[in-house]
Amino acid sequence: AYSGITMRTWFHPRGQVDLAMLRQMHAPDLGPFFVRTAAISVECTH
């Protein structure tokens, strides 16, 4: 609503970092075709 950004998510029952999933999900800058992943957010404690 305020920043105009989008989110994608991975799932972990304990809210943990899933490095393998993040490597698959992370989207580089591919020009005017795909949304770029600018940041990864973690919550501690979850």
PDB file of all heavy atoms in Angstrom:
ATOM      1  N   ALA A   1       0.814  -1.214   0.000  1.00  0.00           N
ATOM      2  CA  ALA A   1       0.000   0.000   0.000  1.00  0.00           C
ATOM      3  C   ALA A   1       0.850   1.267   0.000  1.00  0.00           C
ATOM      4  O   ALA A   1       0.530   2.238  -0.690  1.00  0.00           O
ATOM      5  CB  ALA A   1      -0.928  -0.004   1.215  1.00  0.00           C
ATOM      6  N   TYR A   2       1.937   1.271   0.784  1.00  0.00           N
ATOM      7  CA  TYR A   2       2.743   2.486   0.916  1.00  0.00           C
ATOM      8  C   TYR A   2       3.962   2.509  -0.001  1.00  0.00           C
ATOM      9  O   TYR A   2       4.396   3.573  -0.440  1.00  0.00           O
ATOM     10  CB  TYR A   2       3.222   2.650   2.357  1.00  0.00           C
ATOM     11  CG  TYR A   2       2.142   3.054   3.322  1.00  0.00           C
ATOM     12  CD1 TYR A   2       1.705   2.173   4.303  1.00  0.00           C
ATOM     13  CD2 TYR A   2       1.553   4.307   3.253  1.00  0.00           C
ATOM     14  CE1 TYR A   2       0.699   2.539   5.198  1.00  0.00           C
ATOM     15  CE2 TYR A   2       0.547   4.683   4.133  1.00  0.00           C
ATOM     16  CZ  TYR A   2       0.128   3.788   5.102  1.00  0.00           C
ATOM     17  OH  TYR A   2      -0.862   4.151   5.975  1.00  0.00           O
ATOM     18  N   SER A   3       4.546   1.342  -0.260  1.00  0.00           N
ATOM     19  CA  SER A   3       5.825   1.304  -0.965  1.00  0.00           C
ATOM     20  C   SER A   3       5.737   0.717  -2.358  1.00  0.00           C
ATOM     21  O   SER A   3       6.714   0.768  -3.113  1.00  0.00           O
ATOM     22  CB  SER A   3       6.845   0.501  -0.141  1.00  0.00           C
ATOM     23  OG  SER A   3       6.975   1.046   1.163  1.00  0.00           O
ATOM     24  N   GLY A   4       4.603   0.096  -2.702  1.00  0.00           N
ATOM     25  CA  GLY A   4       4.434  -0.422  -4.052  1.00  0.00           C
ATOM     26  C   GLY A   4       5.329  -1.602  -4.375  1.00  0.00           C
ATOM     27  O   GLY A   4       5.727  -1.797  -5.529  1.00  0.00           O
ATOM     28  N   ILE A   5       5.655  -2.418  -3.357  1.00  0.00           N
ATOM     29  CA  ILE A   5       6.539  -3.554  -3.589  1.00  0.00           C
ATOM     30  C   ILE A   5       5.739  -4.850  -3.580  1.00  0.00           C
ATOM     31  O   ILE A   5       4.603  -4.903  -3.108  1.00  0.00           O
ATOM     32  CB  ILE A   5       7.664  -3.613  -2.543  1.00  0.00           C
ATOM     33  CG1 ILE A   5       7.108  -3.957  -1.159  1.00  0.00           C
ATOM     34  CG2 ILE A   5       8.417  -2.296  -2.500  1.00  0.00           C
ATOM     35  CD1 ILE A   5       8.190  -4.163  -0.112  1.00  0.00           C
ATOM     36  N   THR A   6       6.331  -5.897  -4.117  1.00  0.00           N
ATOM     37  CA  THR A   6       5.701  -7.209  -4.125  1.00  0.00           C
ATOM     38  C   THR A   6       6.475  -8.162  -3.221  1.00  0.00           C
ATOM     39  O   THR A   6       7.614  -7.883  -2.834  1.00  0.00           O
ATOM     40  CB  THR A   6       5.624  -7.791  -5.547  1.00  0.00           C
ATOM     41  OG1 THR A   6       6.955  -8.020  -6.036  1.00  0.00           O
ATOM     42  CG2 THR A   6       4.902  -6.838  -6.486  1.00  0.00           C
ATOM     43  N   MET A   7       5.838  -9.286  -2.896  1.00  0.00           N
ATOM     44  CA  MET A   7       6.460 -10.296  -2.046  1.00  0.00           C
ATOM     45  C   MET A   7       6.284 -11.672  -2.658  1.00  0.00           C
ATOM     46  O   MET A   7       5.265 -11.955  -3.276  1.00  0.00           O
ATOM     47  CB  MET A   7       5.818 -10.324  -0.653  1.00  0.00           C
ATOM     48  CG  MET A   7       6.106  -9.154   0.224  1.00  0.00           C
ATOM     49  SD  MET A   7       5.401  -9.411   1.880  1.00  0.00           S
ATOM     50  CE  MET A   7       5.759  -7.816   2.612  1.00  0.00           C
ATOM     51  N   ARG A   8       7.293 -12.522  -2.461  1.00  0.00           N
ATOM     52  CA  ARG A   8       7.134 -13.960  -2.630  1.00  0.00           C
ATOM     53  C   ARG A   8       7.634 -14.627  -1.359  1.00  0.00           C
ATOM     54  O   ARG A   8       8.439 -14.049  -0.625  1.00  0.00           O
ATOM     55  CB  ARG A   8       7.901 -14.475  -3.847  1.00  0.00           C
ATOM     56  CG  ARG A   8       7.172 -14.224  -5.169  1.00  0.00           C
ATOM     57  CD  ARG A   8       7.859 -14.921  -6.328  1.00  0.00           C
ATOM     58  NE  ARG A   8       9.222 -14.430  -6.496  1.00  0.00           N
ATOM     59  CZ  ARG A   8      10.259 -15.213  -6.798  1.00  0.00           C
ATOM     60  NH1 ARG A   8      10.106 -16.527  -6.924  1.00  0.00           N
ATOM     61  NH2 ARG A   8      11.461 -14.684  -6.978  1.00  0.00           N
ATOM     62  N   THR A   9       7.177 -15.843  -1.121  1.00  0.00           N
ATOM     63  CA  THR A   9       7.474 -16.474   0.162  1.00  0.00           C
ATOM     64  C   THR A   9       7.918 -17.921  -0.008  1.00  0.00           C
ATOM     65  O   THR A   9       7.550 -18.597  -0.966  1.00  0.00           O
ATOM     66  CB  THR A   9       6.236 -16.462   1.083  1.00  0.00           C
ATOM     67  OG1 THR A   9       5.174 -17.218   0.479  1.00  0.00           O
ATOM     68  CG2 THR A   9       5.756 -15.043   1.340  1.00  0.00           C
ATOM     69  N   TRP A  10       8.735 -18.370   0.954  1.00  0.00           N
ATOM     70  CA  TRP A  10       8.998 -19.796   1.120  1.00  0.00           C
ATOM     71  C   TRP A  10       8.319 -20.229   2.415  1.00  0.00           C
ATOM     72  O   TRP A  10       7.972 -19.388   3.243  1.00  0.00           O
ATOM     73  CB  TRP A  10      10.509 -20.082   1.159  1.00  0.00           C
ATOM     74  CG  TRP A  10      11.194 -19.712   2.440  1.00  0.00           C
ATOM     75  CD1 TRP A  10      11.386 -20.489   3.549  1.00  0.00           C
ATOM     76  CD2 TRP A  10      11.825 -18.447   2.754  1.00  0.00           C
ATOM     77  NE1 TRP A  10      12.085 -19.806   4.533  1.00  0.00           N
ATOM     78  CE2 TRP A  10      12.357 -18.558   4.064  1.00  0.00           C
ATOM     79  CE3 TRP A  10      11.986 -17.242   2.051  1.00  0.00           C
ATOM     80  CZ2 TRP A  10      13.036 -17.507   4.690  1.00  0.00           C
ATOM     81  CZ3 TRP A  10      12.657 -16.203   2.676  1.00  0.00           C
ATOM     82  CH2 TRP A  10      13.170 -16.334   3.970  1.00  0.00           C
ATOM     83  N   PHE A  11       8.133 -21.514   2.600  1.00  0.00           N
ATOM     84  CA  PHE A  11       7.475 -22.013   3.807  1.00  0.00           C
ATOM     85  C   PHE A  11       8.424 -22.877   4.616  1.00  0.00           C
ATOM     86  O   PHE A  11       9.113 -23.751   4.070  1.00  0.00           O
ATOM     87  CB  PHE A  11       6.234 -22.830   3.469  1.00  0.00           C
ATOM     88  CG  PHE A  11       5.647 -23.525   4.679  1.00  0.00           C
ATOM     89  CD1 PHE A  11       4.937 -22.806   5.630  1.00  0.00           C
ATOM     90  CD2 PHE A  11       5.850 -24.884   4.883  1.00  0.00           C
ATOM     91  CE1 PHE A  11       4.432 -23.435   6.767  1.00  0.00           C
ATOM     92  CE2 PHE A  11       5.348 -25.531   6.005  1.00  0.00           C
ATOM     93  CZ  PHE A  11       4.630 -24.796   6.944  1.00  0.00           C
ATOM     94  N   HIS A  12       8.435 -22.625   5.915  1.00  0.00           N
ATOM     95  CA  HIS A  12       9.142 -23.497   6.853  1.00  0.00           C
ATOM     96  C   HIS A  12       8.328 -23.530   8.132  1.00  0.00           C
ATOM     97  O   HIS A  12       7.956 -22.472   8.660  1.00  0.00           O
ATOM     98  CB  HIS A  12      10.551 -22.971   7.143  1.00  0.00           C
ATOM     99  CG  HIS A  12      11.414 -23.964   7.873  1.00  0.00           C
ATOM    100  ND1 HIS A  12      11.230 -24.275   9.210  1.00  0.00           N
ATOM    101  CD2 HIS A  12      12.460 -24.727   7.451  1.00  0.00           C
ATOM    102  CE1 HIS A  12      12.129 -25.169   9.577  1.00  0.00           C
ATOM    103  NE2 HIS A  12      12.888 -25.472   8.525  1.00  0.00           N
ATOM    104  N   PRO A  13       8.006 -24.712   8.669  1.00  0.00           N
ATOM    105  CA  PRO A  13       7.142 -24.789   9.850  1.00  0.00           C
ATOM    106  C   PRO A  13       7.705 -24.080  11.073  1.00  0.00           C
ATOM    107  O   PRO A  13       6.947 -23.697  11.966  1.00  0.00           O
ATOM    108  CB  PRO A  13       6.986 -26.294  10.093  1.00  0.00           C
ATOM    109  CG  PRO A  13       8.143 -26.921   9.372  1.00  0.00           C
ATOM    110  CD  PRO A  13       8.405 -26.051   8.191  1.00  0.00           C
ATOM    111  N   ARG A  14       9.010 -23.891  11.106  1.00  0.00           N
ATOM    112  CA  ARG A  14       9.634 -23.184  12.224  1.00  0.00           C
ATOM    113  C   ARG A  14      10.155 -21.814  11.802  1.00  0.00           C
ATOM    114  O   ARG A  14      10.923 -21.184  12.520  1.00  0.00           O
ATOM    115  CB  ARG A  14      10.783 -24.025  12.796  1.00  0.00           C
ATOM    116  CG  ARG A  14      10.341 -25.303  13.483  1.00  0.00           C
ATOM    117  CD  ARG A  14       9.887 -25.042  14.906  1.00  0.00           C
ATOM    118  NE  ARG A  14      11.016 -24.637  15.748  1.00  0.00           N
ATOM    119  CZ  ARG A  14      10.874 -24.067  16.955  1.00  0.00           C
ATOM    120  NH1 ARG A  14       9.673 -23.816  17.425  1.00  0.00           N
ATOM    121  NH2 ARG A  14      11.930 -23.749  17.677  1.00  0.00           N
ATOM    122  N   GLY A  15       9.734 -21.342  10.634  1.00  0.00           N
ATOM    123  CA  GLY A  15      10.113 -20.006  10.195  1.00  0.00           C
ATOM    124  C   GLY A  15      11.575 -19.829   9.866  1.00  0.00           C
ATOM    125  O   GLY A  15      12.072 -18.696   9.806  1.00  0.00           O
ATOM    126  N   GLN A  16      12.275 -20.931   9.619  1.00  0.00           N
ATOM    127  CA  GLN A  16      13.718 -20.878   9.455  1.00  0.00           C
ATOM    128  C   GLN A  16      14.144 -20.478   8.044  1.00  0.00           C
ATOM    129  O   GLN A  16      13.350 -20.488   7.095  1.00  0.00           O
ATOM    130  CB  GLN A  16      14.317 -22.248   9.799  1.00  0.00           C
ATOM    131  CG  GLN A  16      14.048 -22.703  11.227  1.00  0.00           C
ATOM    132  CD  GLN A  16      14.725 -21.823  12.263  1.00  0.00           C
ATOM    133  OE1 GLN A  16      15.945 -21.615  12.225  1.00  0.00           O
ATOM    134  NE2 GLN A  16      13.936 -21.298  13.201  1.00  0.00           N
ATOM    135  N   VAL A  17      15.417 -20.150   7.921  1.00  0.00           N
ATOM    136  CA  VAL A  17      16.024 -19.849   6.626  1.00  0.00           C
ATOM    137  C   VAL A  17      16.179 -21.156   5.849  1.00  0.00           C
ATOM    138  O   VAL A  17      16.683 -22.150   6.387  1.00  0.00           O
ATOM    139  CB  VAL A  17      17.399 -19.189   6.822  1.00  0.00           C
ATOM    140  CG1 VAL A  17      18.110 -19.038   5.482  1.00  0.00           C
ATOM    141  CG2 VAL A  17      17.256 -17.853   7.523  1.00  0.00           C
ATOM    142  N   ASP A  18      15.736 -21.172   4.613  1.00  0.00           N
ATOM    143  CA  ASP A  18      15.888 -22.333   3.730  1.00  0.00           C
ATOM    144  C   ASP A  18      16.763 -21.895   2.565  1.00  0.00           C
ATOM    145  O   ASP A  18      16.283 -21.366   1.559  1.00  0.00           O
ATOM    146  CB  ASP A  18      14.513 -22.804   3.249  1.00  0.00           C
ATOM    147  CG  ASP A  18      14.575 -24.106   2.456  1.00  0.00           C
ATOM    148  OD1 ASP A  18      15.634 -24.370   1.853  1.00  0.00           O
ATOM    149  OD2 ASP A  18      13.569 -24.835   2.437  1.00  0.00           O
ATOM    150  N   LEU A  19      18.067 -22.112   2.705  1.00  0.00           N
ATOM    151  CA  LEU A  19      19.016 -21.600   1.712  1.00  0.00           C
ATOM    152  C   LEU A  19      18.793 -22.223   0.334  1.00  0.00           C
ATOM    153  O   LEU A  19      18.896 -21.532  -0.686  1.00  0.00           O
ATOM    154  CB  LEU A  19      20.444 -21.855   2.183  1.00  0.00           C
ATOM    155  CG  LEU A  19      20.910 -21.013   3.373  1.00  0.00           C
ATOM    156  CD1 LEU A  19      22.291 -21.456   3.817  1.00  0.00           C
ATOM    157  CD2 LEU A  19      20.923 -19.531   3.030  1.00  0.00           C
ATOM    158  N   ALA A  20      18.487 -23.526   0.302  1.00  0.00           N
ATOM    159  CA  ALA A  20      18.265 -24.171  -0.983  1.00  0.00           C
ATOM    160  C   ALA A  20      17.074 -23.547  -1.709  1.00  0.00           C
ATOM    161  O   ALA A  20      17.125 -23.281  -2.914  1.00  0.00           O
ATOM    162  CB  ALA A  20      18.049 -25.670  -0.782  1.00  0.00           C
ATOM    163  N   MET A  21      16.002 -23.309  -0.968  1.00  0.00           N
ATOM    164  CA  MET A  21      14.825 -22.690  -1.566  1.00  0.00           C
ATOM    165  C   MET A  21      15.124 -21.257  -2.001  1.00  0.00           C
ATOM    166  O   MET A  21      14.683 -20.808  -3.069  1.00  0.00           O
ATOM    167  CB  MET A  21      13.669 -22.710  -0.573  1.00  0.00           C
ATOM    168  CG  MET A  21      12.371 -22.103  -1.102  1.00  0.00           C
ATOM    169  SD  MET A  21      11.763 -22.935  -2.587  1.00  0.00           S
ATOM    170  CE  MET A  21      11.276 -24.519  -1.871  1.00  0.00           C
ATOM    171  N   LEU A  22      15.882 -20.534  -1.195  1.00  0.00           N
ATOM    172  CA  LEU A  22      16.205 -19.149  -1.545  1.00  0.00           C
ATOM    173  C   LEU A  22      17.032 -19.071  -2.829  1.00  0.00           C
ATOM    174  O   LEU A  22      16.840 -18.162  -3.644  1.00  0.00           O
ATOM    175  CB  LEU A  22      16.959 -18.488  -0.389  1.00  0.00           C
ATOM    176  CG  LEU A  22      16.087 -18.064   0.793  1.00  0.00           C
ATOM    177  CD1 LEU A  22      16.947 -17.676   1.979  1.00  0.00           C
ATOM    178  CD2 LEU A  22      15.195 -16.897   0.394  1.00  0.00           C
ATOM    179  N   ARG A  23      17.928 -20.025  -3.001  1.00  0.00           N
ATOM    180  CA  ARG A  23      18.720 -20.031  -4.237  1.00  0.00           C
ATOM    181  C   ARG A  23      17.823 -20.237  -5.459  1.00  0.00           C
ATOM    182  O   ARG A  23      18.065 -19.669  -6.523  1.00  0.00           O
ATOM    183  CB  ARG A  23      19.789 -21.126  -4.167  1.00  0.00           C
ATOM    184  CG  ARG A  23      20.906 -20.834  -3.165  1.00  0.00           C
ATOM    185  CD  ARG A  23      22.046 -21.822  -3.293  1.00  0.00           C
ATOM    186  NE  ARG A  23      23.063 -21.561  -2.286  1.00  0.00           N
ATOM    187  CZ  ARG A  23      23.150 -22.200  -1.125  1.00  0.00           C
ATOM    188  NH1 ARG A  23      22.263 -23.161  -0.836  1.00  0.00           N
ATOM    189  NH2 ARG A  23      24.085 -21.889  -0.251  1.00  0.00           N
ATOM    190  N   GLN A  24      16.783 -21.065  -5.291  1.00  0.00           N
ATOM    191  CA  GLN A  24      15.853 -21.287  -6.392  1.00  0.00           C
ATOM    192  C   GLN A  24      14.960 -20.072  -6.639  1.00  0.00           C
ATOM    193  O   GLN A  24      14.648 -19.736  -7.778  1.00  0.00           O
ATOM    194  CB  GLN A  24      14.967 -22.500  -6.095  1.00  0.00           C
ATOM    195  CG  GLN A  24      15.687 -23.829  -6.069  1.00  0.00           C
ATOM    196  CD  GLN A  24      14.738 -24.975  -5.777  1.00  0.00           C
ATOM    197  OE1 GLN A  24      13.569 -24.945  -6.147  1.00  0.00           O
ATOM    198  NE2 GLN A  24      15.243 -25.997  -5.107  1.00  0.00           N
ATOM    199  N   MET A  25      14.551 -19.422  -5.557  1.00  0.00           N
ATOM    200  CA  MET A  25      13.583 -18.331  -5.662  1.00  0.00           C
ATOM    201  C   MET A  25      14.196 -17.021  -6.121  1.00  0.00           C
ATOM    202  O   MET A  25      13.539 -16.222  -6.786  1.00  0.00           O
ATOM    203  CB  MET A  25      12.904 -18.095  -4.306  1.00  0.00           C
ATOM    204  CG  MET A  25      11.978 -19.183  -3.851  1.00  0.00           C
ATOM    205  SD  MET A  25      11.299 -18.784  -2.222  1.00  0.00           S
ATOM    206  CE  MET A  25      10.368 -17.282  -2.582  1.00  0.00           C
ATOM    207  N   HIS A  26      15.445 -16.776  -5.736  1.00  0.00           N
ATOM    208  CA  HIS A  26      16.025 -15.458  -5.957  1.00  0.00           C
ATOM    209  C   HIS A  26      16.037 -15.107  -7.440  1.00  0.00           C
ATOM    210  O   HIS A  26      16.536 -15.855  -8.275  1.00  0.00           O
ATOM    211  CB  HIS A  26      17.453 -15.401  -5.400  1.00  0.00           C
ATOM    212  CG  HIS A  26      18.007 -14.013  -5.373  1.00  0.00           C
ATOM    213  ND1 HIS A  26      18.535 -13.396  -6.492  1.00  0.00           N
ATOM    214  CD2 HIS A  26      18.092 -13.107  -4.366  1.00  0.00           C
ATOM    215  CE1 HIS A  26      18.925 -12.183  -6.174  1.00  0.00           C
ATOM    216  NE2 HIS A  26      18.674 -11.991  -4.896  1.00  0.00           N
ATOM    217  N   ALA A  27      15.482 -13.956  -7.784  1.00  0.00           N
ATOM    218  CA  ALA A  27      15.379 -13.525  -9.178  1.00  0.00           C
ATOM    219  C   ALA A  27      16.356 -12.384  -9.437  1.00  0.00           C
ATOM    220  O   ALA A  27      16.224 -11.306  -8.846  1.00  0.00           O
ATOM    221  CB  ALA A  27      13.953 -13.074  -9.482  1.00  0.00           C
ATOM    222  N   PRO A  28      17.329 -12.583 -10.309  1.00  0.00           N
ATOM    223  CA  PRO A  28      18.258 -11.497 -10.641  1.00  0.00           C
ATOM    224  C   PRO A  28      17.590 -10.481 -11.553  1.00  0.00           C
ATOM    225  O   PRO A  28      16.458 -10.659 -11.998  1.00  0.00           O
ATOM    226  CB  PRO A  28      19.387 -12.237 -11.369  1.00  0.00           C
ATOM    227  CG  PRO A  28      18.693 -13.413 -12.000  1.00  0.00           C
ATOM    228  CD  PRO A  28      17.613 -13.826 -11.038  1.00  0.00           C
ATOM    229  N   ASP A  29      18.302  -9.425 -11.842  1.00  0.00           N
ATOM    230  CA  ASP A  29      17.801  -8.407 -12.765  1.00  0.00           C
ATOM    231  C   ASP A  29      17.925  -8.936 -14.193  1.00  0.00           C
ATOM    232  O   ASP A  29      19.021  -9.083 -14.725  1.00  0.00           O
ATOM    233  CB  ASP A  29      18.614  -7.118 -12.593  1.00  0.00           C
ATOM    234  CG  ASP A  29      18.038  -5.964 -13.404  1.00  0.00           C
ATOM    235  OD1 ASP A  29      17.074  -6.211 -14.167  1.00  0.00           O
ATOM    236  OD2 ASP A  29      18.529  -4.847 -13.262  1.00  0.00           O
ATOM    237  N   LEU A  30      16.776  -9.241 -14.812  1.00  0.00           N
ATOM    238  CA  LEU A  30      16.763  -9.777 -16.171  1.00  0.00           C
ATOM    239  C   LEU A  30      16.146  -8.790 -17.156  1.00  0.00           C
ATOM    240  O   LEU A  30      15.581  -9.182 -18.179  1.00  0.00           O
ATOM    241  CB  LEU A  30      15.993 -11.106 -16.191  1.00  0.00           C
ATOM    242  CG  LEU A  30      16.611 -12.234 -15.359  1.00  0.00           C
ATOM    243  CD1 LEU A  30      15.705 -13.456 -15.367  1.00  0.00           C
ATOM    244  CD2 LEU A  30      18.004 -12.593 -15.887  1.00  0.00           C
ATOM    245  N   GLY A  31      16.253  -7.519 -16.807  1.00  0.00           N
ATOM    246  CA  GLY A  31      15.731  -6.514 -17.712  1.00  0.00           C
ATOM    247  C   GLY A  31      14.222  -6.361 -17.580  1.00  0.00           C
ATOM    248  O   GLY A  31      13.634  -6.753 -16.568  1.00  0.00           O
ATOM    249  N   PRO A  32      13.570  -5.822 -18.592  1.00  0.00           N
ATOM    250  CA  PRO A  32      12.145  -5.470 -18.479  1.00  0.00           C
ATOM    251  C   PRO A  32      11.211  -6.664 -18.710  1.00  0.00           C
ATOM    252  O   PRO A  32      10.289  -6.604 -19.516  1.00  0.00           O
ATOM    253  CB  PRO A  32      11.974  -4.415 -19.568  1.00  0.00           C
ATOM    254  CG  PRO A  32      12.946  -4.835 -20.620  1.00  0.00           C
ATOM    255  CD  PRO A  32      14.140  -5.372 -19.877  1.00  0.00           C
ATOM    256  N   PHE A  33      11.492  -7.765 -17.988  1.00  0.00           N
ATOM    257  CA  PHE A  33      10.664  -8.949 -18.159  1.00  0.00           C
ATOM    258  C   PHE A  33      10.184  -9.529 -16.831  1.00  0.00           C
ATOM    259  O   PHE A  33       9.049  -9.994 -16.726  1.00  0.00           O
ATOM    260  CB  PHE A  33      11.439 -10.032 -18.927  1.00  0.00           C
ATOM    261  CG  PHE A  33      11.886  -9.601 -20.290  1.00  0.00           C
ATOM    262  CD1 PHE A  33      13.196  -9.212 -20.510  1.00  0.00           C
ATOM    263  CD2 PHE A  33      10.988  -9.558 -21.348  1.00  0.00           C
ATOM    264  CE1 PHE A  33      13.619  -8.805 -21.761  1.00  0.00           C
ATOM    265  CE2 PHE A  33      11.399  -9.151 -22.607  1.00  0.00           C
ATOM    266  CZ  PHE A  33      12.712  -8.767 -22.822  1.00  0.00           C
ATOM    267  N   PHE A  34      11.055  -9.528 -15.813  1.00  0.00           N
ATOM    268  CA  PHE A  34      10.732 -10.186 -14.560  1.00  0.00           C
ATOM    269  C   PHE A  34      10.979  -9.247 -13.382  1.00  0.00           C
ATOM    270  O   PHE A  34      11.818  -8.347 -13.441  1.00  0.00           O
ATOM    271  CB  PHE A  34      11.579 -11.452 -14.382  1.00  0.00           C
ATOM    272  CG  PHE A  34      11.376 -12.469 -15.468  1.00  0.00           C
ATOM    273  CD1 PHE A  34      12.293 -12.578 -16.507  1.00  0.00           C
ATOM    274  CD2 PHE A  34      10.268 -13.305 -15.466  1.00  0.00           C
ATOM    275  CE1 PHE A  34      12.116 -13.504 -17.520  1.00  0.00           C
ATOM    276  CE2 PHE A  34      10.080 -14.239 -16.476  1.00  0.00           C
ATOM    277  CZ  PHE A  34      11.004 -14.336 -17.502  1.00  0.00           C
ATOM    278  N   VAL A  35      10.259  -9.501 -12.301  1.00  0.00           N
ATOM    279  CA  VAL A  35      10.459  -8.749 -11.063  1.00  0.00           C
ATOM    280  C   VAL A  35      11.800  -9.147 -10.448  1.00  0.00           C
ATOM    281  O   VAL A  35      12.106 -10.340 -10.336  1.00  0.00           O
ATOM    282  CB  VAL A  35       9.316  -9.039 -10.071  1.00  0.00           C
ATOM    283  CG1 VAL A  35       9.590  -8.347  -8.733  1.00  0.00           C
ATOM    284  CG2 VAL A  35       7.980  -8.595 -10.639  1.00  0.00           C
ATOM    285  N   ARG A  36      12.574  -8.171 -10.041  1.00  0.00           N
ATOM    286  CA  ARG A  36      13.876  -8.449  -9.440  1.00  0.00           C
ATOM    287  C   ARG A  36      13.761  -8.572  -7.929  1.00  0.00           C
ATOM    288  O   ARG A  36      13.057  -7.799  -7.282  1.00  0.00           O
ATOM    289  CB  ARG A  36      14.871  -7.330  -9.766  1.00  0.00           C
ATOM    290  CG  ARG A  36      16.278  -7.587  -9.216  1.00  0.00           C
ATOM    291  CD  ARG A  36      17.260  -6.535  -9.661  1.00  0.00           C
ATOM    292  NE  ARG A  36      17.268  -5.355  -8.819  1.00  0.00           N
ATOM    293  CZ  ARG A  36      17.938  -5.253  -7.659  1.00  0.00           C
ATOM    294  NH1 ARG A  36      18.609  -6.275  -7.178  1.00  0.00           N
ATOM    295  NH2 ARG A  36      17.918  -4.123  -6.985  1.00  0.00           N
ATOM    296  N   THR A  37      14.470  -9.547  -7.364  1.00  0.00           N
ATOM    297  CA  THR A  37      14.543  -9.683  -5.909  1.00  0.00           C
ATOM    298  C   THR A  37      15.540  -8.665  -5.375  1.00  0.00           C
ATOM    299  O   THR A  37      16.746  -8.777  -5.612  1.00  0.00           O
ATOM    300  CB  THR A  37      14.989 -11.096  -5.497  1.00  0.00           C
ATOM    301  OG1 THR A  37      14.090 -12.058  -6.046  1.00  0.00           O
ATOM    302  CG2 THR A  37      15.018 -11.217  -3.986  1.00  0.00           C
ATOM    303  N   ALA A  38      15.038  -7.674  -4.666  1.00  0.00           N
ATOM    304  CA  ALA A  38      15.918  -6.638  -4.121  1.00  0.00           C
ATOM    305  C   ALA A  38      16.370  -6.954  -2.703  1.00  0.00           C
ATOM    306  O   ALA A  38      17.424  -6.485  -2.274  1.00  0.00           O
ATOM    307  CB  ALA A  38      15.205  -5.289  -4.146  1.00  0.00           C
ATOM    308  N   ALA A  39      15.562  -7.722  -1.964  1.00  0.00           N
ATOM    309  CA  ALA A  39      15.912  -7.992  -0.568  1.00  0.00           C
ATOM    310  C   ALA A  39      15.311  -9.311  -0.102  1.00  0.00           C
ATOM    311  O   ALA A  39      14.291  -9.771  -0.620  1.00  0.00           O
ATOM    312  CB  ALA A  39      15.430  -6.860   0.335  1.00  0.00           C
ATOM    313  N   ILE A  40      15.971  -9.896   0.882  1.00  0.00           N
ATOM    314  CA  ILE A  40      15.472 -11.072   1.587  1.00  0.00           C
ATOM    315  C   ILE A  40      15.203 -10.638   3.022  1.00  0.00           C
ATOM    316  O   ILE A  40      16.040  -9.973   3.650  1.00  0.00           O
ATOM    317  CB  ILE A  40      16.494 -12.217   1.560  1.00  0.00           C
ATOM    318  CG1 ILE A  40      16.833 -12.595   0.110  1.00  0.00           C
ATOM    319  CG2 ILE A  40      15.972 -13.432   2.327  1.00  0.00           C
ATOM    320  CD1 ILE A  40      18.039 -13.516  -0.019  1.00  0.00           C
ATOM    321  N   SER A  41      14.033 -10.998   3.524  1.00  0.00           N
ATOM    322  CA  SER A  41      13.657 -10.603   4.886  1.00  0.00           C
ATOM    323  C   SER A  41      13.568 -11.832   5.779  1.00  0.00           C
ATOM    324  O   SER A  41      13.017 -12.865   5.380  1.00  0.00           O
ATOM    325  CB  SER A  41      12.309  -9.874   4.881  1.00  0.00           C
ATOM    326  OG  SER A  41      11.901  -9.571   6.202  1.00  0.00           O
ATOM    327  N   VAL A  42      14.094 -11.713   6.985  1.00  0.00           N
ATOM    328  CA  VAL A  42      13.994 -12.770   7.989  1.00  0.00           C
ATOM    329  C   VAL A  42      13.463 -12.178   9.281  1.00  0.00           C
ATOM    330  O   VAL A  42      13.598 -10.970   9.537  1.00  0.00           O
ATOM    331  CB  VAL A  42      15.351 -13.461   8.241  1.00  0.00           C
ATOM    332  CG1 VAL A  42      15.742 -14.327   7.062  1.00  0.00           C
ATOM    333  CG2 VAL A  42      16.448 -12.428   8.541  1.00  0.00           C
ATOM    334  N   GLU A  43      12.860 -13.017  10.094  1.00  0.00           N
ATOM    335  CA  GLU A  43      12.256 -12.577  11.354  1.00  0.00           C
ATOM    336  C   GLU A  43      12.832 -13.397  12.503  1.00  0.00           C
ATOM    337  O   GLU A  43      12.747 -14.628  12.491  1.00  0.00           O
ATOM    338  CB  GLU A  43      10.742 -12.766  11.292  1.00  0.00           C
ATOM    339  CG  GLU A  43       9.996 -12.270  12.511  1.00  0.00           C
ATOM    340  CD  GLU A  43       8.486 -12.428  12.355  1.00  0.00           C
ATOM    341  OE1 GLU A  43       7.989 -12.521  11.207  1.00  0.00           O
ATOM    342  OE2 GLU A  43       7.803 -12.461  13.398  1.00  0.00           O
ATOM    343  N   CYS A  44      13.430 -12.725  13.466  1.00  0.00           N
ATOM    344  CA  CYS A  44      14.074 -13.409  14.586  1.00  0.00           C
ATOM    345  C   CYS A  44      13.858 -12.594  15.874  1.00  0.00           C
ATOM    346  O   CYS A  44      14.302 -11.444  15.946  1.00  0.00           O
ATOM    347  CB  CYS A  44      15.567 -13.568  14.317  1.00  0.00           C
ATOM    348  SG  CYS A  44      16.449 -14.559  15.549  1.00  0.00           S
ATOM    349  N   THR A  45      13.138 -13.173  16.835  1.00  0.00           N
ATOM    350  CA  THR A  45      12.519 -14.485  16.777  1.00  0.00           C
ATOM    351  C   THR A  45      11.293 -14.441  15.880  1.00  0.00           C
ATOM    352  O   THR A  45      10.753 -13.373  15.621  1.00  0.00           O
ATOM    353  CB  THR A  45      12.101 -14.970  18.172  1.00  0.00           C
ATOM    354  OG1 THR A  45      11.043 -14.131  18.683  1.00  0.00           O
ATOM    355  CG2 THR A  45      13.253 -14.874  19.159  1.00  0.00           C
ATOM    356  N   HIS A  46      10.851 -15.649  15.450  1.00  0.00           N
ATOM    357  CA  HIS A  46       9.747 -15.720  14.507  1.00  0.00           C
ATOM    358  C   HIS A  46       8.441 -15.889  15.273  1.00  0.00           C
ATOM    359  O   HIS A  46       8.201 -16.917  15.914  1.00  0.00           O
ATOM    360  CB  HIS A  46       9.970 -16.886  13.549  1.00  0.00           C
ATOM    361  CG  HIS A  46       9.121 -16.819  12.322  1.00  0.00           C
ATOM    362  ND1 HIS A  46       7.744 -16.904  12.375  1.00  0.00           N
ATOM    363  CD2 HIS A  46       9.441 -16.668  11.004  1.00  0.00           C
ATOM    364  CE1 HIS A  46       7.261 -16.828  11.140  1.00  0.00           C
ATOM    365  NE2 HIS A  46       8.265 -16.676  10.295  1.00  0.00           N
TER     366      HIS A  46
END
